[in-house]
Amino acid sequence: MATLDNSEAGKLMLGGCCVTEESTKWYCVDCEHEFGQYWDPLKDLKLPDLGRVRPLTLEFSIGGFSQGSLYVKLINGQLLYYYSYAPLPWDQADAKAILPTVEQWIDFKTVLNSINAWAWDSDYFTPDVCDGTQWELKINYGNKRIKTYGDNAYPGTKDDDMIFNLSRTPEFTAFVDALGLLLGGVDI
């Protein structure tokens, strides 16, 4: 109530409920001069340089004999990806190109950090299982690298589970979901 009373007495001016970039920031009750612009603190926020959030290299493939395969590769700042339904070599001409934003690269690296992908083993293998799903991942950020692959097994799988559970682990699912978002919503 005191604020409303002071406003009615001319001791201060209330700004209202809608503040836009054109709204004045200050008002002098003596000379009735309005000055200063509303400052949006996020407006001047600078995103990191793309070179600091995008990896130097990124390659990923996943697939198997009875299913299609997805190939992803970072080339000249673009992510190229394509599906193949046969074990064919990488064909850049058939690939779709995606140019992720700085924000998307930041989100991707945040997921890699949250699942501790930097500590993944070099290989994940389920013995005595033929066919199924094979995958390979190589990422190089300069100071952090991942080089790993799997054959019917995924990061986060305990040795005892490998024989009985061929399902994707939460860690691997988080990775492929993050990569899918980086590719513009591709389901991997």
Protein backbone atom coordinates (compact mmCIF):
# COMPACT_ATOMS: atom_id res chain seq x y z
CA MET A 1 0.00 0.00 0.00
CA ALA A 2 2.86 2.40 0.75
CA THR A 3 4.08 2.12 -2.85
CA LEU A 4 0.66 3.00 -4.23
CA ASP A 5 0.36 5.90 -1.78
CA ASN A 6 3.80 7.23 -2.81
CA SER A 7 2.82 6.95 -6.47
CA GLU A 8 -0.42 8.86 -5.91
CA ALA A 9 1.53 11.51 -3.99
CA GLY A 10 3.90 11.95 -6.99
CA LYS A 11 6.96 10.63 -5.14
CA LEU A 12 7.48 7.77 -7.59
CA MET A 13 6.12 6.49 -10.89
CA LEU A 14 4.94 2.93 -11.36
CA GLY A 15 6.00 1.26 -14.57
CA GLY A 16 3.05 -1.01 -15.10
CA CYS A 17 2.94 -4.70 -15.82
CA CYS A 18 4.25 -4.67 -19.41
CA VAL A 19 7.91 -3.85 -19.87
CA THR A 20 9.21 -3.72 -23.44
CA GLU A 21 12.51 -2.65 -24.99
CA GLU A 22 10.97 0.80 -25.55
CA SER A 23 9.96 1.22 -21.90
CA THR A 24 11.92 3.83 -19.99
CA LYS A 25 13.96 2.60 -17.09
CA TRP A 26 13.93 5.77 -14.92
CA TYR A 27 11.65 8.74 -14.31
CA CYS A 28 12.51 11.95 -12.47
CA VAL A 29 9.52 13.07 -10.35
CA ASP A 30 10.93 16.62 -10.10
CA CYS A 31 11.38 17.44 -13.81
CA GLU A 32 9.18 14.61 -15.17
CA HIS A 33 11.98 13.52 -17.49
CA GLU A 34 11.94 9.86 -18.64
CA PHE A 35 15.32 8.37 -19.50
CA GLY A 36 17.20 5.12 -19.94
CA GLN A 37 15.95 2.08 -21.75
CA TYR A 38 14.94 -1.21 -20.27
CA TRP A 39 17.98 -3.49 -20.49
CA ASP A 40 17.50 -7.15 -21.27
CA PRO A 41 20.44 -8.94 -19.61
CA LEU A 42 20.13 -11.89 -22.03
CA LYS A 43 20.36 -9.58 -25.05
CA ASP A 44 24.07 -8.97 -24.53
CA LEU A 45 24.87 -12.55 -23.55
CA LYS A 46 27.43 -13.89 -25.95
CA LEU A 47 27.41 -17.54 -26.83
CA PRO A 48 30.74 -19.36 -26.91
CA ASP A 49 32.63 -19.52 -30.16
CA LEU A 50 31.37 -22.44 -32.26
CA GLY A 51 34.92 -23.79 -32.48
CA ARG A 52 34.91 -24.30 -28.71
CA VAL A 53 31.65 -26.26 -28.52
CA ARG A 54 31.70 -28.27 -31.74
CA PRO A 55 33.99 -31.30 -31.76
CA LEU A 56 36.96 -31.50 -34.10
CA THR A 57 35.70 -34.86 -35.35
CA LEU A 58 32.55 -36.91 -34.87
CA GLU A 59 31.73 -40.23 -36.50
CA PHE A 60 28.97 -42.63 -35.51
CA SER A 61 27.42 -45.69 -37.09
CA ILE A 62 24.85 -48.16 -35.87
CA GLY A 63 23.04 -51.02 -37.53
CA GLY A 64 23.08 -54.69 -38.27
CA PHE A 65 22.41 -57.41 -40.79
CA SER A 66 18.61 -57.52 -40.49
CA GLN A 67 18.11 -53.79 -39.95
CA GLY A 68 19.03 -50.50 -41.57
CA SER A 69 22.20 -48.70 -40.64
CA LEU A 70 22.74 -45.05 -39.78
CA TYR A 71 26.01 -43.30 -40.58
CA VAL A 72 26.89 -39.86 -39.17
CA LYS A 73 30.03 -37.85 -39.85
CA LEU A 74 31.11 -34.28 -39.14
CA ILE A 75 32.62 -32.80 -42.30
CA ASN A 76 33.54 -29.12 -42.71
CA GLY A 77 31.32 -28.09 -39.81
CA GLN A 78 28.26 -29.96 -41.08
CA LEU A 79 26.85 -33.20 -39.82
CA LEU A 80 26.23 -35.54 -42.73
CA TYR A 81 24.06 -38.57 -42.16
CA TYR A 82 22.33 -41.25 -44.16
CA TYR A 83 20.52 -44.51 -43.72
CA SER A 84 21.46 -47.61 -45.62
CA TYR A 85 19.67 -50.94 -45.74
CA ALA A 86 22.72 -52.80 -46.92
CA PRO A 87 26.29 -52.88 -45.63
CA LEU A 88 27.54 -50.26 -48.08
CA PRO A 89 30.55 -47.97 -47.67
CA TRP A 90 30.06 -44.30 -46.68
CA ASP A 91 28.51 -42.44 -49.61
CA GLN A 92 28.68 -38.70 -49.06
CA ALA A 93 26.50 -38.00 -52.13
CA ASP A 94 23.47 -39.66 -50.54
CA ALA A 95 23.89 -37.96 -47.16
CA LYS A 96 21.66 -35.27 -45.68
CA ALA A 97 23.49 -32.24 -44.29
CA ILE A 98 22.63 -30.60 -40.98
CA LEU A 99 24.23 -27.47 -39.54
CA PRO A 100 23.61 -27.55 -35.77
CA THR A 101 23.48 -24.29 -33.82
CA VAL A 102 25.85 -23.35 -31.01
CA GLU A 103 23.05 -24.08 -28.54
CA GLN A 104 22.53 -27.57 -30.00
CA TRP A 105 26.25 -28.35 -29.74
CA ILE A 106 26.26 -27.13 -26.12
CA ASP A 107 23.27 -29.38 -25.32
CA PHE A 108 24.98 -32.34 -27.01
CA LYS A 109 28.22 -31.90 -25.05
CA THR A 110 26.23 -31.44 -21.84
CA VAL A 111 24.69 -34.88 -22.38
CA LEU A 112 28.11 -36.41 -23.09
CA ASN A 113 29.35 -34.95 -19.80
CA SER A 114 26.27 -36.06 -17.84
CA ILE A 115 26.60 -39.70 -18.96
CA ASN A 116 30.40 -39.57 -18.52
CA ALA A 117 30.93 -40.75 -22.08
CA TRP A 118 34.61 -39.82 -21.75
CA ALA A 119 35.08 -42.84 -19.46
CA TRP A 120 33.38 -45.38 -21.73
CA ASP A 121 35.36 -48.52 -22.44
CA SER A 122 36.94 -49.00 -25.86
CA ASP A 123 34.65 -51.93 -26.67
CA TYR A 124 31.45 -53.64 -25.57
CA PHE A 125 30.95 -57.19 -26.70
CA THR A 126 28.35 -59.88 -26.03
CA PRO A 127 29.86 -63.33 -26.60
CA ASP A 128 28.02 -66.05 -28.48
CA VAL A 129 25.52 -63.69 -30.17
CA CYS A 130 25.44 -63.63 -33.95
CA ASP A 131 24.06 -60.74 -35.98
CA GLY A 132 22.24 -58.15 -33.85
CA THR A 133 23.37 -54.53 -33.54
CA GLN A 134 26.85 -53.19 -34.05
CA TRP A 135 27.84 -49.57 -33.42
CA GLU A 136 30.94 -47.40 -33.43
CA LEU A 137 31.60 -43.91 -32.06
CA LYS A 138 34.54 -41.54 -32.44
CA ILE A 139 34.46 -38.01 -31.02
CA ASN A 140 37.43 -35.68 -30.58
CA TYR A 141 37.11 -32.35 -28.76
CA GLY A 142 40.88 -31.94 -28.53
CA ASN A 143 41.08 -32.22 -24.75
CA LYS A 144 38.46 -35.00 -24.55
CA ARG A 145 38.07 -38.02 -26.82
CA ILE A 146 35.86 -41.04 -27.21
CA LYS A 147 36.71 -44.03 -29.38
CA THR A 148 34.48 -47.01 -28.70
CA TYR A 149 32.39 -49.65 -30.40
CA GLY A 150 29.93 -52.33 -29.47
CA ASP A 151 28.58 -55.62 -30.69
CA ASN A 152 25.19 -56.28 -29.07
CA ALA A 153 26.33 -54.49 -25.90
CA TYR A 154 26.38 -50.88 -24.71
CA PRO A 155 28.09 -48.62 -22.17
CA GLY A 156 26.61 -49.13 -18.73
CA THR A 157 26.11 -52.87 -19.23
CA LYS A 158 27.56 -55.02 -16.47
CA ASP A 159 29.60 -58.04 -17.57
CA ASP A 160 27.02 -60.42 -16.06
CA ASP A 161 24.18 -58.72 -17.98
CA MET A 162 25.80 -58.98 -21.40
CA ILE A 163 24.79 -62.58 -21.97
CA PHE A 164 21.11 -62.06 -21.12
CA ASN A 165 20.27 -58.43 -21.96
CA LEU A 166 20.83 -57.01 -25.43
CA SER A 167 18.77 -53.85 -24.79
CA ARG A 168 20.21 -50.35 -24.98
CA THR A 169 21.30 -48.97 -21.63
CA PRO A 170 20.11 -45.59 -20.28
CA GLU A 171 23.57 -44.12 -20.99
CA PHE A 172 23.58 -45.24 -24.61
CA THR A 173 19.94 -44.19 -25.07
CA ALA A 174 20.77 -40.71 -23.74
CA PHE A 175 23.64 -40.49 -26.23
CA VAL A 176 21.62 -41.56 -29.30
CA ASP A 177 18.73 -39.29 -28.27
CA ALA A 178 21.12 -36.33 -27.99
CA LEU A 179 22.67 -37.17 -31.37
CA GLY A 180 19.19 -37.49 -32.89
CA LEU A 181 18.31 -34.00 -31.63
CA LEU A 182 21.57 -32.67 -33.05
CA LEU A 183 20.47 -34.11 -36.42
CA GLY A 184 17.19 -32.24 -36.22
CA GLY A 185 15.04 -34.88 -34.52
CA VAL A 186 16.19 -38.08 -36.20
CA ASP A 187 15.09 -41.24 -34.41
CA ILE A 188 18.10 -43.48 -33.90
